[in-house]
């Protein structure tokens, strides 16, 4: 199939070039008195070729949308593997009356720091009938997380959706300073790889444009024009299904992979001392760097995440993870005070930081090691037991 499609396009290009070449030679052989008329013919021929090319391109894009479904090209990405694991876990956990389903989304700090299975066991022992679905990925910016949530939703059967609507569904959002301030973070790290192309889905473009226009002004957009060019190119790459033609023959069904991927302590992480309990407050940030300004797009992002579940979300909670960086510490404390009405587990609170002071509990300055993740998950579970989200309906 791939050879046939590519061959068709090559024949079309050759035909168009041949017609243009014939028109050019014809013009060269005519006398000067006929040149104005010949010139008009050439322009008319080129206009027709342009229109024909655009029609073929449009027909290809429309047809590809219906007959070459993009997800088939990305069946074995990490995102697909995590989706497969979470759907399998949902099916393995038996629904019970009054069931809660807690969906956790996040990046690498969640992937390495939150043990969803241990969290589920702890809450169930406390009498809370909850199933924890951990949809987190290392290095995942919010666009990739949007696609991950969408993949999960698209993989649910009608009976799964019935279960979600009958349960008390809670959506848990990771709070993280660097990701919260930049919807384009990490986008250019792996260009034209299955990982990035899998979430450069044309269906996500309106959402991404909402985030970008909600976050950046014209000056900032100009400064990031190279990233915007890469975004446009990769989205077009998928719209034309070039990625589909490249990857479809090698795509295999995903082997399930858990959203929690613990890491041991890294040998080269040797801080001078223990984790500080706190840091001096940041000087008041203003202008372009002010927290309210750089996070103003977050409400649009959270609404996009909620909309994936078609009104089934009953409540939300927010959580952050600790780290060695002062900026992230101060950001979490600002977030806590700026959103007093939100249920928020501040991972940079003094109690949990005092339990995670030993360098051996860390993989690197921003990520917990497996032993640190165990402690964090215990604290998170205790917080949830004491502050279980109120439900509507």
Protein backbone atom coordinates (compact mmCIF):
# COMPACT_ATOMS: atom_id res chain seq x y z
CA UNK A 1 0.00 0.00 0.00
CA UNK A 2 2.78 2.42 0.93
CA UNK A 3 4.65 1.81 -2.32
CA UNK A 4 1.45 2.35 -4.29
CA UNK A 5 0.62 5.66 -2.62
CA UNK A 6 4.16 7.00 -2.93
CA UNK A 7 4.31 5.83 -6.53
CA UNK A 8 1.07 7.65 -7.34
CA UNK A 9 2.45 10.88 -5.92
CA UNK A 10 5.70 10.51 -7.89
CA UNK A 11 3.76 9.93 -11.12
CA UNK A 12 1.67 13.01 -10.43
CA UNK A 13 4.79 15.11 -9.88
CA UNK A 14 6.45 13.76 -13.04
CA UNK A 15 3.30 14.45 -15.05
CA UNK A 16 3.03 18.02 -13.80
CA UNK A 17 6.72 18.69 -14.43
CA UNK A 18 6.45 17.19 -17.90
CA UNK A 19 3.50 19.38 -18.76
CA UNK A 20 5.32 22.47 -17.50
CA UNK A 21 8.43 21.52 -19.51
CA UNK A 22 6.34 21.04 -22.68
CA UNK A 23 4.71 24.43 -22.23
CA UNK A 24 8.11 26.08 -21.79
CA UNK A 25 9.56 24.50 -24.93
CA UNK A 26 6.50 25.45 -26.91
CA UNK A 27 6.91 29.05 -25.87
CA UNK A 28 10.59 29.09 -26.80
CA UNK A 29 9.86 27.87 -30.34
CA UNK A 30 7.24 30.46 -31.19
CA UNK A 31 8.02 33.74 -32.93
CA UNK A 32 8.12 37.02 -31.05
CA UNK A 33 4.75 38.17 -32.44
CA UNK A 34 3.00 35.28 -30.69
CA UNK A 35 4.83 35.64 -27.36
CA UNK A 36 2.13 37.64 -25.55
CA UNK A 37 -0.47 34.98 -26.39
CA UNK A 38 1.92 32.13 -25.49
CA UNK A 39 2.83 33.83 -22.22
CA UNK A 40 -0.86 33.92 -21.33
CA UNK A 41 -1.18 30.24 -22.15
CA UNK A 42 1.76 29.41 -19.88
CA UNK A 43 0.29 31.37 -17.00
CA UNK A 44 -3.06 29.67 -17.53
CA UNK A 45 -1.43 26.23 -17.59
CA UNK A 46 0.50 26.94 -14.41
CA UNK A 47 -2.66 28.18 -12.68
CA UNK A 48 -4.45 24.99 -13.67
CA UNK A 49 -1.56 22.88 -12.37
CA UNK A 50 -1.63 24.77 -9.07
CA UNK A 51 -5.38 24.28 -8.71
CA UNK A 52 -5.06 20.59 -9.64
CA UNK A 53 -2.28 20.14 -7.08
CA UNK A 54 -4.33 21.80 -4.35
CA UNK A 55 -7.37 19.67 -5.18
CA UNK A 56 -5.28 16.48 -5.04
CA UNK A 57 -3.72 17.61 -1.74
CA UNK A 58 -7.10 18.41 -0.22
CA UNK A 59 -8.59 15.12 -1.42
CA UNK A 60 -5.63 13.25 0.06
CA UNK A 61 -5.95 14.97 3.46
CA UNK A 62 -9.71 14.38 3.64
CA UNK A 63 -9.40 10.78 2.56
CA UNK A 64 -6.49 10.14 4.92
CA UNK A 65 -8.52 11.49 7.83
CA UNK A 66 -11.15 8.78 7.29
CA UNK A 67 -9.18 5.85 5.88
CA UNK A 68 -5.72 6.23 7.44
CA UNK A 69 -6.45 6.69 11.17
CA UNK A 70 -3.39 8.27 12.74
CA UNK A 71 -3.36 6.20 15.98
CA UNK A 72 -2.55 3.07 13.94
CA UNK A 73 0.90 4.52 13.27
CA UNK A 74 1.66 4.90 16.98
CA UNK A 75 0.51 1.66 18.54
CA UNK A 76 3.80 0.97 20.33
CA UNK A 77 4.76 4.36 21.76
CA UNK A 78 5.22 4.78 25.51
CA UNK A 79 1.94 6.70 25.58
CA UNK A 80 0.13 3.73 24.04
CA UNK A 81 1.83 1.37 26.50
CA UNK A 82 0.70 3.39 29.52
CA UNK A 83 -2.81 3.62 28.06
CA UNK A 84 -2.94 -0.17 27.61
CA UNK A 85 -1.83 -0.72 31.22
CA UNK A 86 -4.43 1.68 32.62
CA UNK A 87 -7.29 0.21 30.61
CA UNK A 88 -6.22 -3.27 31.71
CA UNK A 89 -6.08 -2.13 35.35
CA UNK A 90 -9.56 -0.63 35.09
CA UNK A 91 -10.89 -3.95 33.76
CA UNK A 92 -9.11 -5.96 36.47
CA UNK A 93 -10.53 -3.87 39.32
CA UNK A 94 -14.09 -4.87 40.10
CA UNK A 95 -16.64 -2.07 40.32
CA UNK A 96 -18.32 -1.71 43.71
CA UNK A 97 -21.21 0.45 44.95
CA UNK A 98 -20.06 3.98 45.73
CA UNK A 99 -16.85 3.51 43.76
CA UNK A 100 -14.36 6.32 43.23
CA UNK A 101 -12.05 6.46 40.24
CA UNK A 102 -9.01 8.70 40.67
CA UNK A 103 -7.21 9.60 37.43
CA UNK A 104 -3.73 11.08 37.96
CA UNK A 105 -1.98 12.92 35.14
CA UNK A 106 1.62 14.09 35.25
CA UNK A 107 5.18 14.20 33.95
CA UNK A 108 8.39 12.49 35.09
CA UNK A 109 8.15 13.78 38.68
CA UNK A 110 4.85 11.89 38.99
CA UNK A 111 6.09 8.88 37.02
CA UNK A 112 9.00 8.47 39.43
CA UNK A 113 7.42 9.86 42.59
CA UNK A 114 3.83 8.57 42.85
CA UNK A 115 3.21 4.85 43.21
CA UNK A 116 -0.38 4.64 42.03
CA UNK A 117 -0.80 0.99 43.05
CA UNK A 118 0.45 1.65 46.59
CA UNK A 119 -1.76 4.74 46.81
CA UNK A 120 -4.77 2.67 45.80
CA UNK A 121 -3.99 -0.04 48.39
CA UNK A 122 -3.54 2.51 51.16
CA UNK A 123 -6.82 4.27 50.43
CA UNK A 124 -8.72 0.99 50.18
CA UNK A 125 -7.37 -0.14 53.54
CA UNK A 126 -8.80 3.09 54.92
CA UNK A 127 -12.22 2.11 53.61
CA UNK A 128 -12.23 4.29 50.47
CA UNK A 129 -13.36 2.17 47.48
CA UNK A 130 -11.09 3.75 44.89
CA UNK A 131 -9.41 2.66 41.68
CA UNK A 132 -6.32 4.72 40.81
CA UNK A 133 -5.53 5.24 37.13
CA UNK A 134 -2.03 6.72 36.75
CA UNK A 135 -1.65 8.37 33.33
CA UNK A 136 1.81 9.87 33.69
CA UNK A 137 4.84 9.89 31.39
CA UNK A 138 8.46 10.96 31.77
CA UNK A 139 9.17 14.15 29.82
CA UNK A 140 5.50 14.64 28.94
CA UNK A 141 4.51 18.24 28.34
CA UNK A 142 0.85 19.15 28.58
CA UNK A 143 0.13 18.45 24.92
CA UNK A 144 1.43 14.90 25.28
CA UNK A 145 -0.59 14.51 28.48
CA UNK A 146 -3.68 15.74 26.64
CA UNK A 147 -3.09 13.05 24.01
CA UNK A 148 -2.47 10.42 26.71
CA UNK A 149 -5.79 11.23 28.41
CA UNK A 150 -7.49 11.19 25.00
CA UNK A 151 -5.94 7.82 24.14
CA UNK A 152 -7.29 6.42 27.40
CA UNK A 153 -10.76 7.84 26.78
CA UNK A 154 -10.78 6.52 23.19
CA UNK A 155 -9.83 3.04 24.42
CA UNK A 156 -12.82 2.75 26.75
CA UNK A 157 -15.77 0.60 25.79
CA UNK A 158 -19.38 1.66 26.26
CA UNK A 159 -19.50 -0.36 29.50
CA UNK A 160 -16.32 1.41 30.70
CA UNK A 161 -17.94 4.78 30.07
CA UNK A 162 -21.04 3.66 31.93
CA UNK A 163 -18.82 2.73 34.88
CA UNK A 164 -17.05 6.10 34.83
CA UNK A 165 -20.35 7.98 34.81
CA UNK A 166 -21.77 5.91 37.64
CA UNK A 167 -18.60 6.28 39.73
CA UNK A 168 -17.40 9.41 41.48
CA UNK A 169 -14.63 10.41 39.09
CA UNK A 170 -11.80 12.58 40.42
CA UNK A 171 -9.17 14.14 38.15
CA UNK A 172 -5.78 14.73 39.78
CA UNK A 173 -3.48 17.34 38.21
CA UNK A 174 0.27 17.63 38.71
CA UNK A 175 1.46 21.12 39.68
CA UNK A 176 4.99 21.72 38.42
CA UNK A 177 6.64 25.12 37.97
CA UNK A 178 8.44 24.60 34.67
CA UNK A 179 5.60 22.82 32.88
CA UNK A 180 2.92 25.14 34.25
CA UNK A 181 4.65 28.20 32.82
CA UNK A 182 5.37 26.83 29.35
CA UNK A 183 2.95 24.87 27.14
CA UNK A 184 5.78 24.28 24.65
CA UNK A 185 8.28 22.84 27.14
CA UNK A 186 10.24 19.87 25.70
CA UNK A 187 8.39 20.02 22.37
CA UNK A 188 11.61 20.29 20.37
CA UNK A 189 13.54 17.60 22.27
CA UNK A 190 12.63 14.69 19.99
CA UNK A 191 11.53 16.11 16.63
CA UNK A 192 10.00 13.74 14.07
CA UNK A 193 10.17 10.75 16.41
CA UNK A 194 7.13 8.56 17.13
CA UNK A 195 7.02 10.03 20.65
CA UNK A 196 6.52 13.62 19.44
CA UNK A 197 4.53 12.83 16.30
CA UNK A 198 2.08 10.75 18.35
CA UNK A 199 0.80 13.88 20.08
CA UNK A 200 1.31 16.31 17.17
CA UNK A 201 -2.17 15.28 16.20
CA UNK A 202 -4.07 17.76 13.99
CA UNK A 203 -7.09 17.22 16.26
CA UNK A 204 -5.06 18.80 19.09
CA UNK A 205 -4.17 21.94 17.12
CA UNK A 206 -7.14 24.10 18.23
CA UNK A 207 -6.39 23.28 21.88
CA UNK A 208 -2.69 24.07 21.45
CA UNK A 209 -3.50 27.39 19.78
CA UNK A 210 -5.76 28.27 22.73
CA UNK A 211 -2.92 27.55 25.13
CA UNK A 212 -0.35 29.50 23.13
CA UNK A 213 -2.53 32.57 22.69
CA UNK A 214 -3.48 32.42 26.35
CA UNK A 215 0.16 32.30 27.43
CA UNK A 216 2.28 34.40 25.05
CA UNK A 217 2.10 37.89 23.62
CA UNK A 218 3.32 38.76 20.10
CA UNK A 219 6.86 39.54 21.22
CA UNK A 220 7.19 36.19 22.98
CA UNK A 221 5.76 34.37 19.98
CA UNK A 222 8.31 36.03 17.72
CA UNK A 223 11.12 34.96 20.05
CA UNK A 224 9.88 31.38 19.82
CA UNK A 225 9.27 31.36 16.07
CA UNK A 226 11.63 28.41 15.50
CA UNK A 227 9.53 26.24 17.83
CA UNK A 228 6.34 27.42 16.16
CA UNK A 229 7.81 26.50 12.78
CA UNK A 230 8.65 23.02 14.09
CA UNK A 231 5.12 22.65 15.44
CA UNK A 232 3.60 23.65 12.09
CA UNK A 233 5.87 21.26 10.20
CA UNK A 234 5.16 18.26 12.45
CA UNK A 235 1.42 18.86 12.49
CA UNK A 236 1.44 19.09 8.67
CA UNK A 237 3.58 15.94 8.58
CA UNK A 238 0.77 14.14 10.38
CA UNK A 239 -2.05 15.84 8.45
CA UNK A 240 -0.51 14.50 5.23
CA UNK A 241 -0.04 11.10 6.93
CA UNK A 242 3.65 10.95 6.07
CA UNK A 243 4.19 9.55 9.57
CA UNK A 244 1.50 6.93 8.91
CA UNK A 245 3.22 5.76 5.75
CA UNK A 246 6.57 5.56 7.55
CA UNK A 247 5.45 3.76 10.69
CA UNK A 248 2.33 1.75 9.88
CA UNK A 249 4.17 -1.36 8.65
CA UNK A 250 6.27 -1.52 11.84
CA UNK A 251 3.54 -0.66 14.36
CA UNK A 252 2.71 -3.37 16.87
CA UNK A 253 0.24 -3.56 19.69
CA UNK A 254 1.60 -1.93 22.82
CA UNK A 255 2.90 -4.01 25.70
CA UNK A 256 1.28 -2.57 28.86
CA UNK A 257 3.55 -0.29 30.90
CA UNK A 258 2.66 1.22 34.29
CA UNK A 259 2.53 4.96 34.82
CA UNK A 260 4.81 4.51 37.86
CA UNK A 261 8.40 3.84 36.81
CA UNK A 262 10.66 3.98 39.89
CA UNK A 263 14.36 4.76 39.57
CA UNK A 264 17.16 3.95 42.03
CA UNK A 265 19.47 6.58 43.47
CA UNK A 266 21.84 7.89 40.83
CA UNK A 267 25.50 7.39 41.71
CA UNK A 268 26.57 10.81 40.43
CA UNK A 269 24.03 12.72 42.55
CA UNK A 270 26.12 13.86 45.51
CA UNK A 271 24.75 17.08 47.05
CA UNK A 272 26.86 18.89 49.63
CA UNK A 273 24.32 18.37 52.39
CA UNK A 274 20.77 17.39 53.26
CA UNK A 275 17.67 18.61 51.46
CA UNK A 276 16.87 22.08 52.85
CA UNK A 277 13.59 22.26 54.73
CA UNK A 278 12.82 25.58 53.06
CA UNK A 279 14.30 28.38 50.94
CA UNK A 280 14.27 32.16 51.24
CA UNK A 281 11.25 33.65 49.45
CA UNK A 282 11.74 34.77 45.88
CA UNK A 283 11.86 38.48 45.29
CA UNK A 284 8.45 39.59 44.09
CA UNK A 285 8.27 38.65 40.42
CA UNK A 286 6.54 41.13 38.16
CA UNK A 287 5.99 41.86 34.48
CA UNK A 288 6.52 38.98 32.10
CA UNK A 289 7.82 36.65 34.83
CA UNK A 290 4.96 37.14 37.30
CA UNK A 291 3.40 33.83 38.32
CA UNK A 292 -0.20 34.94 37.56
CA UNK A 293 0.87 35.94 34.06
CA UNK A 294 2.89 32.87 33.10
CA UNK A 295 0.21 30.50 34.43
CA UNK A 296 -2.87 32.30 33.10
CA UNK A 297 -3.31 29.62 30.43
CA UNK A 298 -3.56 26.83 33.06
CA UNK A 299 -7.31 27.25 33.52
CA UNK A 300 -7.77 26.66 29.76
CA UNK A 301 -5.56 23.57 30.00
CA UNK A 302 -7.46 22.11 32.97
CA UNK A 303 -10.78 22.69 31.19
CA UNK A 304 -9.43 20.84 28.12
CA UNK A 305 -8.41 17.89 30.30
CA UNK A 306 -11.84 17.79 31.98
CA UNK A 307 -13.68 17.94 28.67
CA UNK A 308 -12.10 14.66 27.55
CA UNK A 309 -14.28 12.85 30.10
CA UNK A 310 -17.53 14.33 28.76
CA UNK A 311 -18.89 15.72 32.01
CA UNK A 312 -18.07 12.64 34.11
CA UNK A 313 -15.52 14.45 36.35
CA UNK A 314 -17.13 15.11 39.74
CA UNK A 315 -14.20 16.88 41.42
CA UNK A 316 -10.51 17.71 41.03
CA UNK A 317 -7.42 17.72 43.16
CA UNK A 318 -3.91 19.08 42.64
CA UNK A 319 -0.56 17.84 43.90
CA UNK A 320 3.10 18.74 43.58
CA UNK A 321 6.32 16.90 44.34
CA UNK A 322 9.35 18.11 46.30
CA UNK A 323 12.69 19.08 44.84
CA UNK A 324 16.02 20.76 45.46
CA UNK A 325 15.32 23.90 43.41
CA UNK A 326 14.29 27.12 45.17
CA UNK A 327 12.17 28.30 42.23
CA UNK A 328 9.96 25.21 42.35
CA UNK A 329 9.68 25.40 46.14
CA UNK A 330 8.55 29.02 46.02
CA UNK A 331 6.22 28.36 43.11
CA UNK A 332 4.38 25.62 45.03
CA UNK A 333 3.94 27.87 48.03
CA UNK A 334 2.65 30.67 45.81
CA UNK A 335 0.24 28.22 44.12
CA UNK A 336 -1.09 27.10 47.48
CA UNK A 337 -1.92 30.68 48.51
CA UNK A 338 -3.19 31.70 45.06
CA UNK A 339 -5.73 28.83 44.90
CA UNK A 340 -7.20 28.57 48.40
CA UNK A 341 -10.37 26.89 47.14
CA UNK A 342 -8.54 24.00 45.44
CA UNK A 343 -7.67 20.75 47.17
CA UNK A 344 -3.87 20.83 46.93
CA UNK A 345 -1.23 18.49 48.35
CA UNK A 346 1.88 20.63 48.52
CA UNK A 347 4.81 18.27 48.09
CA UNK A 348 7.15 21.04 49.22
CA UNK A 349 5.55 21.34 52.64
CA UNK A 350 7.88 21.20 55.62
CA UNK A 351 6.59 17.85 56.93
CA UNK A 352 7.27 15.86 53.79
CA UNK A 353 10.55 17.64 53.07
CA UNK A 354 11.76 16.74 56.55
CA UNK A 355 11.17 13.06 55.70
CA UNK A 356 13.03 13.31 52.40
CA UNK A 357 16.20 15.09 53.47
CA UNK A 358 18.61 12.21 52.87
CA UNK A 359 20.30 12.37 49.43
CA UNK A 360 19.91 8.59 49.15
CA UNK A 361 16.17 9.11 48.69
CA UNK A 362 16.74 11.04 45.47
CA UNK A 363 17.53 10.11 41.89
CA UNK A 364 18.51 13.67 40.95
CA UNK A 365 17.61 17.21 42.11
CA UNK A 366 14.16 17.02 40.56
CA UNK A 367 13.19 13.36 40.92
CA UNK A 368 12.75 10.98 43.82
CA UNK A 369 14.42 7.59 43.91
CA UNK A 370 12.27 4.50 44.54
CA UNK A 371 12.74 4.74 48.33
CA UNK A 372 11.76 8.41 48.26
CA UNK A 373 8.69 7.63 46.15
CA UNK A 374 7.54 5.20 48.83
CA UNK A 375 7.68 7.94 51.48
CA UNK A 376 6.00 10.51 49.25
CA UNK A 377 3.17 8.12 48.38
CA UNK A 378 2.60 7.43 52.09
CA UNK A 379 2.30 11.17 52.78
CA UNK A 380 0.04 11.69 49.75
CA UNK A 381 -2.23 8.85 50.88
CA UNK A 382 -2.44 10.26 54.40
CA UNK A 383 -3.37 13.67 53.02
CA UNK A 384 -6.11 12.15 50.85
CA UNK A 385 -7.49 10.09 53.72
CA UNK A 386 -7.85 13.27 55.76
CA UNK A 387 -9.10 15.47 52.89
CA UNK A 388 -10.99 13.16 50.57
CA UNK A 389 -12.61 15.30 47.85
CA UNK A 390 -16.23 16.25 48.38
CA UNK A 391 -18.46 14.91 45.64
CA UNK A 392 -21.36 16.47 43.81
CA UNK A 393 -24.37 14.44 42.80
